[in-house]
Structures are given as structure tokens and as C-alpha cells.
Amino acid sequence: MTDFPRQPEIDPEAVLARLSAYRSHDAPTHGGRVLSYVYDSGLAALDDLAARAAAMTLPVNGLDPTTFPSVALMEAELVAFGRTVLHGPDAVGSVTSGGTESCLLAVKAARDRWVRAVAGPARAGGADARPRIVLPSSAHAAFHKAAHYLGLDVDVVPVDPATGVPSVVELVARLNDRTALVVVSAPSYPHGVLDPVAEVAEAAAGRGIPCHVDACIGGLVLPFWAGAGGAELPPWDFRVPGVTSISADLHKFGYAPKGASLLLFADRELDLARYFALTDWPGYPVVNPTILGSRSATSLAAAWAVTAALGVEGYTDLTRRTVAATHEVAACVGRIDGLRALGEPAGPLLAVVTDDGVPAKQRVHPHLWAAASARRGFVLQGQPSLRQSDGSLVPRSTHLTITPATHDVIPELTATLREAADEVRGGTVDLPADLPVPDPAALAASARESGDLDLTQVLALIEKLPRDATAGLLAQFLQAFTAPSAP
């Protein structure tokens, strides 16, 4: 008999200690100190429930719900929950791995519909005609990514630099036979403002064009906003005629762990176009409702558990804390000399820009403000300025996402925002006119060694150089930053 070696002894504590050391480099995911990327309910019991639900489904493969019916049962209940809060009693859809996948599948469905129903007349104008997405410049990058992956052109409509809102007239004017999809946001991520959903959807419906509402960040907080003490918002969900699909992330204000998102369609025909199915091979019949084949059920189970535990009442309670915190932070920003919020935020997102109405020495550079806030323990997200196709300039800003956990740190946060502004007031970020293009590998090595990256300089570089060039540099930087260390 072959003498196989003994199975090596597993030391779980040593492995977890190593992971803990790695995690020590991360920004804090709980406690309200990171105002982007993380969505903290502030409820430890909810986090524990999500972890336990995920653990129960670790071996499950979401590829085949006929083998694992729990997948179909949980997904159906989450879709039903989405139907309720987004006012689409007949809506159908799926749970995806996140907002990017939801957006990509919405684009895929619209593209396939265009190819089947519209491509003939459009191609009469030229054999090279391709389907097109019409969207505001504030629409999420996921739609540009989808267009890149799926072979569509992107027609970008400028937003008003003062409000962050696109022109209805301009959006509608771009709709034509090549338009496979028009996209609006509820709210837009960069500025937290609501796009003119009803007007655009109505115009799109009149032309037979699908209208997708990207509510990835707002879809599970805006439905409860007014009931939790926030302002009444214009209709933006399936109650609006002409809205054909909506994406809403469960791992944002649904408070589920990454990554889980809802993608819902108003009708079954468009929903069916997101599927991929193949029987023309010698293996098992393939039917994929999402991009992935084999997929973990852990995020699905965690999201299902969180929504089942909270329900509408629980989400309203958490939104009430978010509304109160948003009002406090907005009021604080409004009292800081040299800063102001851009536009009219419709929910818990703020874009803070320099107040150009005061003398230069009183102005606050939003990226320097974010850096000074980070030194005090609060992580804000800098956003570079953007020169739009019409020549207008969307100002640089700092993005703040407010969550229920923010409510617990309001005194410390508002004090930090004031002190950081006082520290940097009148300051600028100046780059030399002959600044050499940085070496991405060297920049990555320095960041890995020091554990720090000067984001104010990075954002200033993005503003200075052509966007295609900076996108390439950032890709090279991340490639180098995540590469294994040399032996």
C-alpha cells in the first residue's frame, strides 16, 4: 500500500492572526469614520446575523437553483422585497454580485433588444452603426465599462456645473434610432442629486427606448426618506411610466455585506434578454441569469437575512438616523466659510465644493480639506474637476456618504470638518508646469512601503493631464500595487 504523507496540521489561529495583521492596514469599516465605500448600520447584531447566514451557505453553488432550491427561494424573496419598496408589483429580476454587474446586465438586455428590434432600420444609415447609451456625465462609470465590454457607443450629456443635474432637453435631443438605452440616476453618485427621471422616461417611452434608473446607491434609502423625516422627492421608481429597469444595491443602504445588488425589470421580455443560455455543447445545459456561472450564495444569504430581519419598519428606523445625521452634516458644511454643498442633495450623499463667492484667502480647497480630515481620523473621498464636452467645468469636490453609524459620531465629525477647514483655508495644490509623468511602479512601491499615498497630488495630476493618460497610469499603478513582492 502506498504510504501517503500525513495531512499537515492546520493552525487556524495562526492563519487568522495573519489575516488580522493584513486587516490592520484597512480603513475602519465600522464606526462611521469612512464616508464612502462602507455602509454601516451601526447594529452589531445585524452584522452577526449576516455572517451566520453566509456561513450556512458556504458550500452552496448558485449556478443551479434546481439542485440548490434555497438559492431560488432567497432570491425570490429579495425580488419581492424590491418590488414592494420600488413600487413595481409586476417587476421581475435577479440578485447580482453588485451594482456594476446589475448595470452591465441592464445594458446587455437593452443591447440585445436593440439588435433584435431596432438594428435593421438603424443600420440602414451605415453598416458600421452601433447601439448607443445616452447618459449624463454624472452617470456611474459602470455604464462606460458595460459599453466597453459589450460594444456600445456612449453619448455623454453634460450636467449643470452648479446643480449637477443634466438638461432634460439635451438628454431627449440625443435619443434616436441608435439609442439602445438611456440612463438616469437616483441619485447620482458624484453629487447626490436626483436626475429628471420622469421627464426622461416619458420621452424615452415615446420613442420605444428603455430607460434605466441607476439607484444602486439610493434604491434602499430613498424609498424610506420622506417617511423618516426627509424631504419629499419627485417620483423616480417604477411608478414613473417609461422606467424599464432599476438597479439597487443590497450591499449599500441595504446594509448587507459585499457583494449583492438587485436588478429589476418592468417587463419579462426585457428581463429575459439579460440571460445567457446554451445547450449546444456536450455538457450540462447552461442557463445563467447573471454574468457568473458558478457563484457563491453567501452574499445572497446574508442580504436575504438582513432584509428579512429589518423589513420596511427596520429600514425606516435606520433611515431616520441617516436623515438626522445628513441634516447635521449639511448644516455644518453650510456654516464653514469657504465651502458649500453642490446642488440640492436628494438623500444621504453630499458633494462639497469650494465657495467661490468668498475672497480667495477664505476659500477651502476640498481635497486639502479631505486630507486634513483624514489626519484627524475621518476618511472623505476626493473627486477631481471635469471639463465637459460643452466646455463647462464641473468643480472638484469631496464626496461624503452619510450612514446610520454617522449619527453616533456627529459631534466629533463636525468638529473635525470645521478644524480641517480652518487648517487648510486659503491653501492650494500647485503642480509644476514641467511636472514629469510619474512612474506608476515607483509610485506603487513607495505607497506600499510607506502605507500612504498623497491623494491630493494624484487628484491634481488627474485634473492636469489628459484623462486617457491618467486612466492608463492608474491602471498601471494598481497593477503594480497589487502584484506579489519580489522574492
Protein backbone atom coordinates (compact mmCIF):
# COMPACT_ATOMS: atom_id res chain seq x y z
CA MET A 1 0.00 0.00 0.00
CA THR A 2 1.25 3.47 -0.84
CA ASP A 3 2.28 5.33 2.28
CA PHE A 4 0.72 8.77 1.81
CA PRO A 5 2.12 11.54 4.00
CA ARG A 6 0.02 12.70 6.90
CA GLN A 7 -2.24 15.68 6.31
CA PRO A 8 -0.39 18.75 7.60
CA GLU A 9 -1.71 20.05 10.86
CA ILE A 10 -3.85 23.14 10.37
CA ASP A 11 -3.26 26.01 12.77
CA PRO A 12 -6.37 28.19 12.32
CA GLU A 13 -5.28 30.74 14.92
CA ALA A 14 -2.01 31.39 13.11
CA VAL A 15 -3.80 31.83 9.80
CA LEU A 16 -6.38 34.19 11.28
CA ALA A 17 -3.70 36.15 13.08
CA ARG A 18 -2.04 36.74 9.73
CA LEU A 19 -5.33 37.91 8.24
CA SER A 20 -5.83 40.20 11.21
CA ALA A 21 -2.43 41.74 10.52
CA TYR A 22 -3.43 42.34 6.92
CA ARG A 23 -6.74 43.90 8.00
CA SER A 24 -4.92 46.29 10.29
CA HIS A 25 -3.88 48.22 7.15
CA ASP A 26 -7.51 48.83 6.14
CA ALA A 27 -9.68 51.84 6.77
CA PRO A 28 -12.18 51.14 9.58
CA THR A 29 -15.35 49.56 8.20
CA HIS A 30 -17.43 50.29 11.30
CA GLY A 31 -17.93 53.33 13.48
CA GLY A 32 -18.85 55.98 10.93
CA ARG A 33 -15.30 57.15 10.17
CA VAL A 34 -15.22 56.26 6.48
CA LEU A 35 -17.71 58.37 4.50
CA SER A 36 -17.56 56.31 1.29
CA TYR A 37 -17.34 52.65 0.26
CA VAL A 38 -18.83 51.26 3.52
CA TYR A 39 -22.43 51.38 4.69
CA ASP A 40 -22.56 50.74 8.40
CA SER A 41 -25.95 50.16 10.01
CA GLY A 42 -24.38 50.57 13.43
CA LEU A 43 -26.11 47.34 14.53
CA ALA A 44 -23.65 44.66 15.61
CA ALA A 45 -26.44 42.09 15.83
CA LEU A 46 -27.26 42.66 12.16
CA ASP A 47 -23.64 42.08 11.17
CA ASP A 48 -23.59 38.87 13.21
CA LEU A 49 -26.79 37.66 11.58
CA ALA A 50 -25.36 38.30 8.10
CA ALA A 51 -22.16 36.41 8.97
CA ARG A 52 -24.07 33.43 10.31
CA ALA A 53 -26.34 33.30 7.26
CA ALA A 54 -23.34 33.49 4.94
CA ALA A 55 -21.59 30.68 6.83
CA MET A 56 -24.62 28.42 6.39
CA THR A 57 -24.34 28.69 2.60
CA LEU A 58 -20.57 28.47 2.13
CA PRO A 59 -20.73 25.18 0.14
CA VAL A 60 -23.76 26.20 -1.97
CA ASN A 61 -23.32 26.88 -5.70
CA GLY A 62 -25.73 29.46 -7.04
CA LEU A 63 -25.19 28.12 -10.55
CA ASP A 64 -28.11 25.69 -10.33
CA PRO A 65 -31.13 26.59 -8.17
CA THR A 66 -32.77 23.28 -9.15
CA THR A 67 -30.02 21.50 -7.23
CA PHE A 68 -29.93 24.15 -4.51
CA PRO A 69 -33.52 25.43 -4.21
CA SER A 70 -32.52 27.65 -1.29
CA VAL A 71 -30.95 29.96 -3.87
CA ALA A 72 -34.24 30.35 -5.73
CA LEU A 73 -36.22 30.80 -2.52
CA MET A 74 -33.95 33.55 -1.13
CA GLU A 75 -33.67 35.31 -4.46
CA ALA A 76 -37.44 35.28 -4.99
CA GLU A 77 -38.00 36.86 -1.58
CA LEU A 78 -35.43 39.57 -2.25
CA VAL A 79 -37.01 40.34 -5.63
CA ALA A 80 -40.40 40.52 -3.90
CA PHE A 81 -38.94 42.95 -1.36
CA GLY A 82 -37.57 45.06 -4.22
CA ARG A 83 -40.98 45.01 -5.91
CA THR A 84 -42.53 46.39 -2.76
CA VAL A 85 -40.14 49.23 -1.99
CA LEU A 86 -39.62 50.23 -5.64
CA HIS A 87 -43.35 50.08 -6.45
CA GLY A 88 -43.13 47.51 -9.23
CA PRO A 89 -45.78 44.89 -8.44
CA ASP A 90 -45.08 43.00 -11.68
CA ALA A 91 -41.31 43.55 -11.77
CA VAL A 92 -39.00 40.58 -12.28
CA GLY A 93 -35.27 40.28 -11.88
CA SER A 94 -32.38 38.83 -10.00
CA VAL A 95 -29.74 39.31 -7.34
CA THR A 96 -26.30 40.09 -8.77
CA SER A 97 -22.81 40.43 -7.33
CA GLY A 98 -23.03 44.23 -7.15
CA GLY A 99 -24.01 47.43 -8.85
CA THR A 100 -21.53 47.08 -11.70
CA GLU A 101 -22.94 43.69 -12.66
CA SER A 102 -26.51 44.99 -12.37
CA CYS A 103 -25.69 47.92 -14.65
CA LEU A 104 -23.84 45.71 -17.11
CA LEU A 105 -26.77 43.30 -17.33
CA ALA A 106 -29.22 46.17 -17.84
CA VAL A 107 -27.05 47.35 -20.74
CA LYS A 108 -26.78 43.80 -22.10
CA ALA A 109 -30.55 43.37 -22.06
CA ALA A 110 -31.11 46.72 -23.81
CA ARG A 111 -28.41 45.99 -26.39
CA ASP A 112 -29.87 42.59 -27.26
CA ARG A 113 -33.33 44.11 -27.57
CA TRP A 114 -31.93 46.79 -29.89
CA VAL A 115 -30.17 44.19 -32.02
CA ARG A 116 -33.39 42.21 -32.41
CA ALA A 117 -35.87 45.02 -32.87
CA VAL A 118 -34.09 48.18 -33.95
CA ALA A 119 -30.80 47.30 -35.60
CA GLY A 120 -32.25 46.91 -39.10
CA PRO A 121 -33.55 50.48 -39.52
CA ALA A 122 -30.54 51.95 -37.73
CA ARG A 123 -28.05 50.07 -39.88
CA ALA A 124 -29.68 51.48 -43.00
CA GLY A 125 -27.70 54.62 -42.20
CA GLY A 126 -24.39 52.78 -42.32
CA ALA A 127 -23.06 49.27 -41.93
CA ASP A 128 -20.89 50.34 -39.00
CA ALA A 129 -23.73 51.75 -36.90
CA ARG A 130 -23.55 50.54 -33.31
CA PRO A 131 -26.04 50.78 -30.46
CA ARG A 132 -25.56 53.71 -28.13
CA ILE A 133 -26.14 54.55 -24.46
CA VAL A 134 -27.23 58.10 -23.69
CA LEU A 135 -26.32 59.23 -20.18
CA PRO A 136 -25.33 62.28 -18.13
CA SER A 137 -21.66 62.91 -17.37
CA SER A 138 -22.53 62.14 -13.72
CA ALA A 139 -23.71 58.59 -14.53
CA HIS A 140 -21.64 55.87 -12.88
CA ALA A 141 -18.52 54.58 -14.58
CA ALA A 142 -20.12 51.12 -14.62
CA PHE A 143 -22.08 52.14 -17.73
CA HIS A 144 -18.90 53.14 -19.55
CA LYS A 145 -17.44 49.79 -18.51
CA ALA A 146 -20.52 47.98 -19.81
CA ALA A 147 -20.32 49.82 -23.12
CA HIS A 148 -16.63 48.94 -23.40
CA TYR A 149 -17.26 45.26 -22.70
CA LEU A 150 -20.40 44.93 -24.83
CA GLY A 151 -19.58 47.06 -27.87
CA LEU A 152 -21.79 50.12 -27.49
CA ASP A 153 -21.02 53.78 -28.01
CA VAL A 154 -21.56 56.25 -25.16
CA ASP A 155 -23.20 59.61 -25.77
CA VAL A 156 -22.42 61.77 -22.73
CA VAL A 157 -24.63 64.74 -21.90
CA PRO A 158 -23.08 67.48 -19.70
CA VAL A 159 -24.60 68.33 -16.33
CA ASP A 160 -25.11 71.82 -14.98
CA PRO A 161 -21.90 72.53 -13.00
CA ALA A 162 -23.92 74.48 -10.42
CA THR A 163 -26.54 71.80 -9.75
CA GLY A 164 -25.10 68.51 -11.02
CA VAL A 165 -28.35 67.91 -12.95
CA PRO A 166 -28.43 67.21 -16.71
CA SER A 167 -30.70 69.13 -19.08
CA VAL A 168 -33.87 67.26 -19.98
CA VAL A 169 -33.93 68.99 -23.35
CA GLU A 170 -30.36 67.92 -24.10
CA LEU A 171 -30.88 64.32 -22.96
CA VAL A 172 -34.04 63.95 -25.01
CA ALA A 173 -32.41 65.55 -28.06
CA ARG A 174 -29.76 62.81 -28.08
CA LEU A 175 -32.33 59.99 -28.37
CA ASN A 176 -32.51 58.45 -31.83
CA ASP A 177 -32.68 55.13 -33.69
CA ARG A 178 -29.24 54.13 -32.45
CA THR A 179 -30.13 54.62 -28.79
CA ALA A 180 -30.40 51.25 -27.07
CA LEU A 181 -30.71 52.69 -23.55
CA VAL A 182 -30.95 55.99 -21.71
CA VAL A 183 -29.67 56.13 -18.13
CA VAL A 184 -30.63 58.42 -15.25
CA SER A 185 -29.59 58.27 -11.60
CA ALA A 186 -31.44 58.32 -8.30
CA PRO A 187 -29.30 59.91 -7.04
CA SER A 188 -26.05 60.38 -8.96
CA TYR A 189 -23.02 59.17 -7.01
CA PRO A 190 -20.72 62.20 -7.56
CA HIS A 191 -23.19 64.86 -6.40
CA GLY A 192 -26.06 63.06 -4.66
CA VAL A 193 -28.70 64.86 -6.73
CA LEU A 194 -31.72 63.37 -8.46
CA ASP A 195 -31.78 63.30 -12.26
CA PRO A 196 -35.03 64.28 -14.07
CA VAL A 197 -36.30 60.69 -14.17
CA ALA A 198 -39.95 61.28 -15.03
CA GLU A 199 -39.30 63.64 -17.93
CA VAL A 200 -36.58 61.49 -19.49
CA ALA A 201 -38.52 58.23 -19.02
CA GLU A 202 -41.60 59.72 -20.66
CA ALA A 203 -39.62 60.89 -23.67
CA ALA A 204 -37.83 57.55 -23.95
CA ALA A 205 -41.09 55.62 -23.78
CA GLY A 206 -42.49 57.74 -26.61
CA ARG A 207 -39.59 56.56 -28.77
CA GLY A 208 -39.69 52.94 -27.60
CA ILE A 209 -36.32 53.26 -25.83
CA PRO A 210 -35.66 51.55 -22.48
CA CYS A 211 -34.89 53.85 -19.53
CA HIS A 212 -32.73 52.51 -16.73
CA VAL A 213 -32.73 54.17 -13.31
CA ASP A 214 -29.40 53.65 -11.58
CA ALA A 215 -30.48 53.59 -7.94
CA CYS A 216 -27.54 51.46 -6.86
CA ILE A 217 -26.80 53.83 -4.00
CA GLY A 218 -30.27 55.25 -3.44
CA GLY A 219 -32.56 52.33 -4.08
CA LEU A 220 -32.76 51.16 -0.47
CA VAL A 221 -32.70 54.53 1.27
CA LEU A 222 -34.73 56.92 -0.89
CA PRO A 223 -37.91 54.78 -0.59
CA PHE A 224 -37.85 55.44 3.17
CA TRP A 225 -36.51 59.01 3.09
CA ALA A 226 -39.72 61.02 3.40
CA GLY A 227 -41.21 58.61 5.93
CA ALA A 228 -38.09 59.00 8.05
CA GLY A 229 -38.29 62.79 8.21
CA GLY A 230 -36.53 63.70 4.98
CA ALA A 231 -37.85 65.85 2.17
CA GLU A 232 -40.45 64.57 -0.26
CA LEU A 233 -38.78 63.60 -3.54
CA PRO A 234 -40.13 63.60 -7.09
CA PRO A 235 -41.13 60.11 -8.26
CA TRP A 236 -38.22 58.13 -9.68
CA ASP A 237 -39.06 54.41 -9.39
CA PHE A 238 -41.44 52.03 -11.21
CA ARG A 239 -44.31 54.39 -10.51
CA VAL A 240 -42.89 56.52 -13.32
CA PRO A 241 -44.22 55.46 -16.74
CA GLY A 242 -41.35 54.58 -19.02
CA VAL A 243 -38.92 53.33 -16.34
CA THR A 244 -38.00 49.89 -17.64
CA SER A 245 -35.32 48.76 -15.18
CA ILE A 246 -33.80 49.73 -11.83
CA SER A 247 -30.59 48.69 -10.08
CA ALA A 248 -30.48 48.91 -6.28
CA ASP A 249 -27.55 47.65 -4.22
CA LEU A 250 -28.30 45.49 -1.20
CA HIS A 251 -24.72 45.98 -0.02
CA LYS A 252 -25.09 49.75 0.23
CA PHE A 253 -28.08 51.07 2.14
CA GLY A 254 -29.45 47.55 2.28
CA TYR A 255 -26.68 47.02 4.88
CA ALA A 256 -25.74 43.57 3.55
CA PRO A 257 -22.09 42.55 3.13
CA LYS A 258 -20.46 42.92 -0.29
CA GLY A 259 -21.49 41.98 -2.86
CA ALA A 260 -25.21 41.87 -3.54
CA SER A 261 -27.41 44.03 -5.74
CA LEU A 262 -30.94 43.88 -7.09
CA LEU A 263 -31.67 44.28 -10.78
CA LEU A 264 -35.37 44.58 -11.59
CA PHE A 265 -37.18 44.92 -14.93
CA ALA A 266 -40.67 46.23 -15.52
CA ASP A 267 -41.47 43.51 -18.08
CA ARG A 268 -40.46 39.90 -18.62
CA GLU A 269 -39.33 40.30 -22.23
CA LEU A 270 -36.57 42.78 -21.39
CA ASP A 271 -35.65 40.78 -18.28
CA LEU A 272 -35.23 37.63 -20.38
CA ALA A 273 -32.67 39.42 -22.56
CA ARG A 274 -30.17 39.50 -19.68
CA TYR A 275 -29.95 35.68 -19.62
CA PHE A 276 -27.31 33.57 -21.32
CA ALA A 277 -28.37 30.04 -22.23
CA LEU A 278 -26.58 27.31 -24.18
CA THR A 279 -27.45 23.69 -24.92
CA ASP A 280 -25.20 23.33 -27.99
CA TRP A 281 -22.34 21.59 -26.23
CA PRO A 282 -21.91 18.10 -24.73
CA GLY A 283 -22.03 19.20 -21.09
CA TYR A 284 -24.86 20.16 -18.78
CA PRO A 285 -27.43 22.69 -20.08
CA VAL A 286 -26.17 26.19 -19.23
CA VAL A 287 -28.65 28.86 -18.13
CA ASN A 288 -27.07 31.91 -16.49
CA PRO A 289 -29.23 34.80 -15.25
CA THR A 290 -26.11 36.74 -14.31
CA ILE A 291 -22.58 37.09 -15.67
CA LEU A 292 -21.12 34.48 -13.36
CA GLY A 293 -21.69 30.76 -13.79
CA SER A 294 -20.69 29.21 -10.51
CA ARG A 295 -21.34 31.81 -7.86
CA SER A 296 -21.28 31.95 -4.13
CA ALA A 297 -24.57 32.02 -2.27
CA THR A 298 -23.00 33.66 0.78
CA SER A 299 -23.76 37.27 -0.17
CA LEU A 300 -27.25 36.29 -1.30
CA ALA A 301 -27.94 34.59 2.03
CA ALA A 302 -26.51 37.48 4.03
CA ALA A 303 -28.61 40.01 2.10
CA TRP A 304 -31.71 37.86 2.47
CA ALA A 305 -31.16 37.57 6.22
CA VAL A 306 -30.64 41.31 6.67
CA THR A 307 -33.75 42.30 4.72
CA ALA A 308 -35.83 39.60 6.42
CA ALA A 309 -34.75 40.89 9.82
CA LEU A 310 -35.23 44.60 9.09
CA GLY A 311 -38.26 44.76 6.83
CA VAL A 312 -39.77 48.13 5.90
CA GLU A 313 -40.04 49.25 9.52
CA GLY A 314 -36.39 48.47 10.27
CA TYR A 315 -35.17 50.25 7.16
CA THR A 316 -37.28 53.27 8.03
CA ASP A 317 -35.77 53.39 11.53
CA LEU A 318 -32.22 53.24 10.14
CA THR A 319 -33.07 55.86 7.54
CA ARG A 320 -34.38 58.13 10.30
CA ARG A 321 -30.88 58.13 11.85
CA THR A 322 -29.38 58.76 8.43
CA VAL A 323 -31.71 61.69 7.74
CA ALA A 324 -30.87 63.29 11.08
CA ALA A 325 -27.14 62.82 10.53
CA THR A 326 -27.36 64.18 6.97
CA HIS A 327 -29.10 67.33 8.19
CA GLU A 328 -26.40 67.85 10.85
CA VAL A 329 -23.51 67.38 8.42
CA ALA A 330 -25.12 69.57 5.74
CA ALA A 331 -25.73 72.30 8.31
CA CYS A 332 -22.13 72.06 9.47
CA VAL A 333 -20.81 72.40 5.91
CA GLY A 334 -23.14 75.34 5.34
CA ARG A 335 -21.55 77.17 8.27
CA ILE A 336 -17.94 76.60 7.15
CA ASP A 337 -16.54 79.69 5.49
CA GLY A 338 -15.10 78.78 2.08
CA LEU A 339 -17.10 75.59 1.44
CA ARG A 340 -20.60 74.80 0.19
CA ALA A 341 -22.64 71.77 -0.87
CA LEU A 342 -23.24 71.47 -4.60
CA GLY A 343 -26.83 71.47 -5.83
CA GLU A 344 -29.79 70.11 -3.89
CA PRO A 345 -28.91 66.69 -2.46
CA ALA A 346 -31.72 64.13 -2.60
CA GLY A 347 -30.67 61.76 0.14
CA PRO A 348 -27.59 60.95 2.21
CA LEU A 349 -24.86 62.00 -0.25
CA LEU A 350 -23.12 65.38 -0.27
CA ALA A 351 -20.65 66.84 -2.75
CA VAL A 352 -18.73 69.65 -1.05
CA VAL A 353 -17.02 72.25 -3.26
CA THR A 354 -15.11 75.48 -2.79
CA ASP A 355 -17.30 78.51 -2.26
CA ASP A 356 -16.03 80.82 -4.97
CA GLY A 357 -18.26 83.60 -3.67
CA VAL A 358 -15.79 84.48 -0.92
CA PRO A 359 -12.31 86.04 -1.27
CA ALA A 360 -9.53 83.66 -2.29
CA LYS A 361 -7.89 83.71 1.15
CA GLN A 362 -11.12 82.43 2.69
CA ARG A 363 -11.70 79.60 0.21
CA VAL A 364 -11.17 75.98 1.18
CA HIS A 365 -9.73 73.51 -1.34
CA PRO A 366 -11.95 70.41 -0.95
CA HIS A 367 -9.12 67.92 -1.46
CA LEU A 368 -6.86 69.60 1.10
CA TRP A 369 -9.88 69.60 3.42
CA ALA A 370 -10.32 65.85 2.89
CA ALA A 371 -6.63 65.23 3.59
CA ALA A 372 -6.77 67.30 6.80
CA SER A 373 -9.90 65.40 7.87
CA ALA A 374 -8.12 62.07 7.24
CA ARG A 375 -5.29 63.15 9.54
CA ARG A 376 -7.96 63.56 12.21
CA GLY A 377 -9.39 60.08 11.61
CA PHE A 378 -12.25 60.65 9.13
CA VAL A 379 -11.90 59.42 5.54
CA LEU A 380 -13.64 61.55 2.89
CA GLN A 381 -13.50 60.93 -0.86
CA GLY A 382 -11.94 63.44 -3.23
CA GLN A 383 -13.36 63.86 -6.75
CA PRO A 384 -11.43 65.73 -9.48
CA SER A 385 -12.89 68.53 -11.56
CA LEU A 386 -14.14 67.64 -15.04
CA ARG A 387 -14.08 69.67 -18.25
CA GLN A 388 -17.25 68.64 -20.10
CA SER A 389 -17.85 68.39 -23.83
CA ASP A 390 -19.58 71.80 -23.87
CA GLY A 391 -16.56 73.44 -22.24
CA SER A 392 -18.16 73.85 -18.82
CA LEU A 393 -16.21 72.81 -15.75
CA VAL A 394 -17.71 70.60 -13.08
CA PRO A 395 -15.85 71.74 -9.95
CA ARG A 396 -13.60 69.47 -7.90
CA SER A 397 -15.38 68.20 -4.84
CA THR A 398 -15.20 65.99 -1.80
CA HIS A 399 -17.85 63.30 -1.50
CA LEU A 400 -19.48 62.34 1.80
CA THR A 401 -21.81 59.38 2.20
CA ILE A 402 -23.80 59.56 5.45
CA THR A 403 -24.94 56.32 7.12
CA PRO A 404 -26.77 55.44 10.36
CA ALA A 405 -23.38 55.00 12.04
CA THR A 406 -22.55 58.64 11.23
CA HIS A 407 -25.26 59.63 13.69
CA ASP A 408 -23.17 58.30 16.59
CA VAL A 409 -20.10 60.39 15.76
CA ILE A 410 -21.73 63.68 14.76
CA PRO A 411 -20.04 65.84 17.44
CA GLU A 412 -16.57 64.52 16.60
CA LEU A 413 -17.18 64.57 12.85
CA THR A 414 -18.50 68.11 12.68
CA ALA A 415 -15.65 69.34 14.88
CA THR A 416 -13.21 67.62 12.51
CA LEU A 417 -14.79 69.19 9.43
CA ARG A 418 -14.52 72.66 10.97
CA GLU A 419 -10.96 72.20 12.24
CA ALA A 420 -9.76 70.71 8.94
CA ALA A 421 -11.20 73.66 7.03
CA ASP A 422 -9.51 76.12 9.38
CA GLU A 423 -6.20 74.31 8.86
CA VAL A 424 -6.18 74.50 5.05
CA ARG A 425 -8.20 77.65 4.34
CA GLY A 426 -6.55 79.68 1.60
CA GLY A 427 -4.30 76.79 0.57
CA THR A 428 -3.88 75.44 -2.96
CA VAL A 429 -2.46 72.35 -4.64
CA ASP A 430 0.12 73.53 -7.14
CA LEU A 431 1.88 71.26 -9.63
CA PRO A 432 4.98 72.41 -11.53
CA ALA A 433 4.32 73.37 -15.16
CA ASP A 434 7.03 70.93 -16.27
CA LEU A 435 5.94 68.14 -13.93
CA PRO A 436 7.25 64.82 -15.27
CA VAL A 437 4.75 61.99 -15.66
CA PRO A 438 5.27 59.78 -12.59
CA ASP A 439 6.42 56.19 -12.88
CA PRO A 440 3.43 54.08 -11.73
CA ALA A 441 5.62 51.22 -10.49
CA ALA A 442 7.77 53.57 -8.40
CA LEU A 443 4.67 55.28 -7.02
CA ALA A 444 3.18 51.90 -6.09
CA ALA A 445 6.40 50.78 -4.40
CA SER A 446 6.53 53.99 -2.37
CA ALA A 447 2.88 53.65 -1.35
CA ARG A 448 3.35 50.02 -0.30
CA GLU A 449 6.45 50.85 1.72
CA SER A 450 5.02 53.90 3.48
CA GLY A 451 1.40 52.75 3.64
CA ASP A 452 0.40 56.18 2.37
CA LEU A 453 -0.47 57.82 -0.95
CA ASP A 454 -0.85 61.57 -1.40
CA LEU A 455 -4.30 61.62 -2.94
CA THR A 456 -4.34 65.41 -3.27
CA GLN A 457 -1.40 65.16 -5.67
CA VAL A 458 -2.99 62.24 -7.54
CA LEU A 459 -6.25 64.14 -8.00
CA ALA A 460 -4.37 67.26 -9.09
CA LEU A 461 -2.48 65.15 -11.64
CA ILE A 462 -5.77 63.77 -12.99
CA GLU A 463 -7.00 67.34 -13.43
CA LYS A 464 -3.79 68.40 -15.18
CA LEU A 465 -3.16 65.55 -17.64
CA PRO A 466 -5.42 64.14 -20.39
CA ARG A 467 -7.96 61.74 -18.89
CA ASP A 468 -6.96 58.83 -21.13
CA ALA A 469 -3.38 59.19 -19.95
CA THR A 470 -4.27 59.30 -16.26
CA ALA A 471 -6.62 56.31 -16.60
CA GLY A 472 -3.74 54.30 -18.04
CA LEU A 473 -1.37 55.46 -15.33
CA LEU A 474 -3.82 54.47 -12.59
CA ALA A 475 -4.29 51.03 -14.13
CA GLN A 476 -0.51 50.54 -14.17
CA PHE A 477 -0.28 51.79 -10.58
CA LEU A 478 -2.90 49.33 -9.33
CA GLN A 479 -1.31 46.50 -11.28
CA ALA A 480 2.00 47.23 -9.58
CA PHE A 481 0.43 47.90 -6.15
CA THR A 482 -1.34 44.53 -6.05
CA ALA A 483 1.47 42.47 -7.57
CA PRO A 484 3.35 39.97 -5.36
CA SER A 485 6.52 41.29 -3.83
CA ALA A 486 9.77 40.24 -5.44
CA PRO A 487 11.32 37.16 -3.78
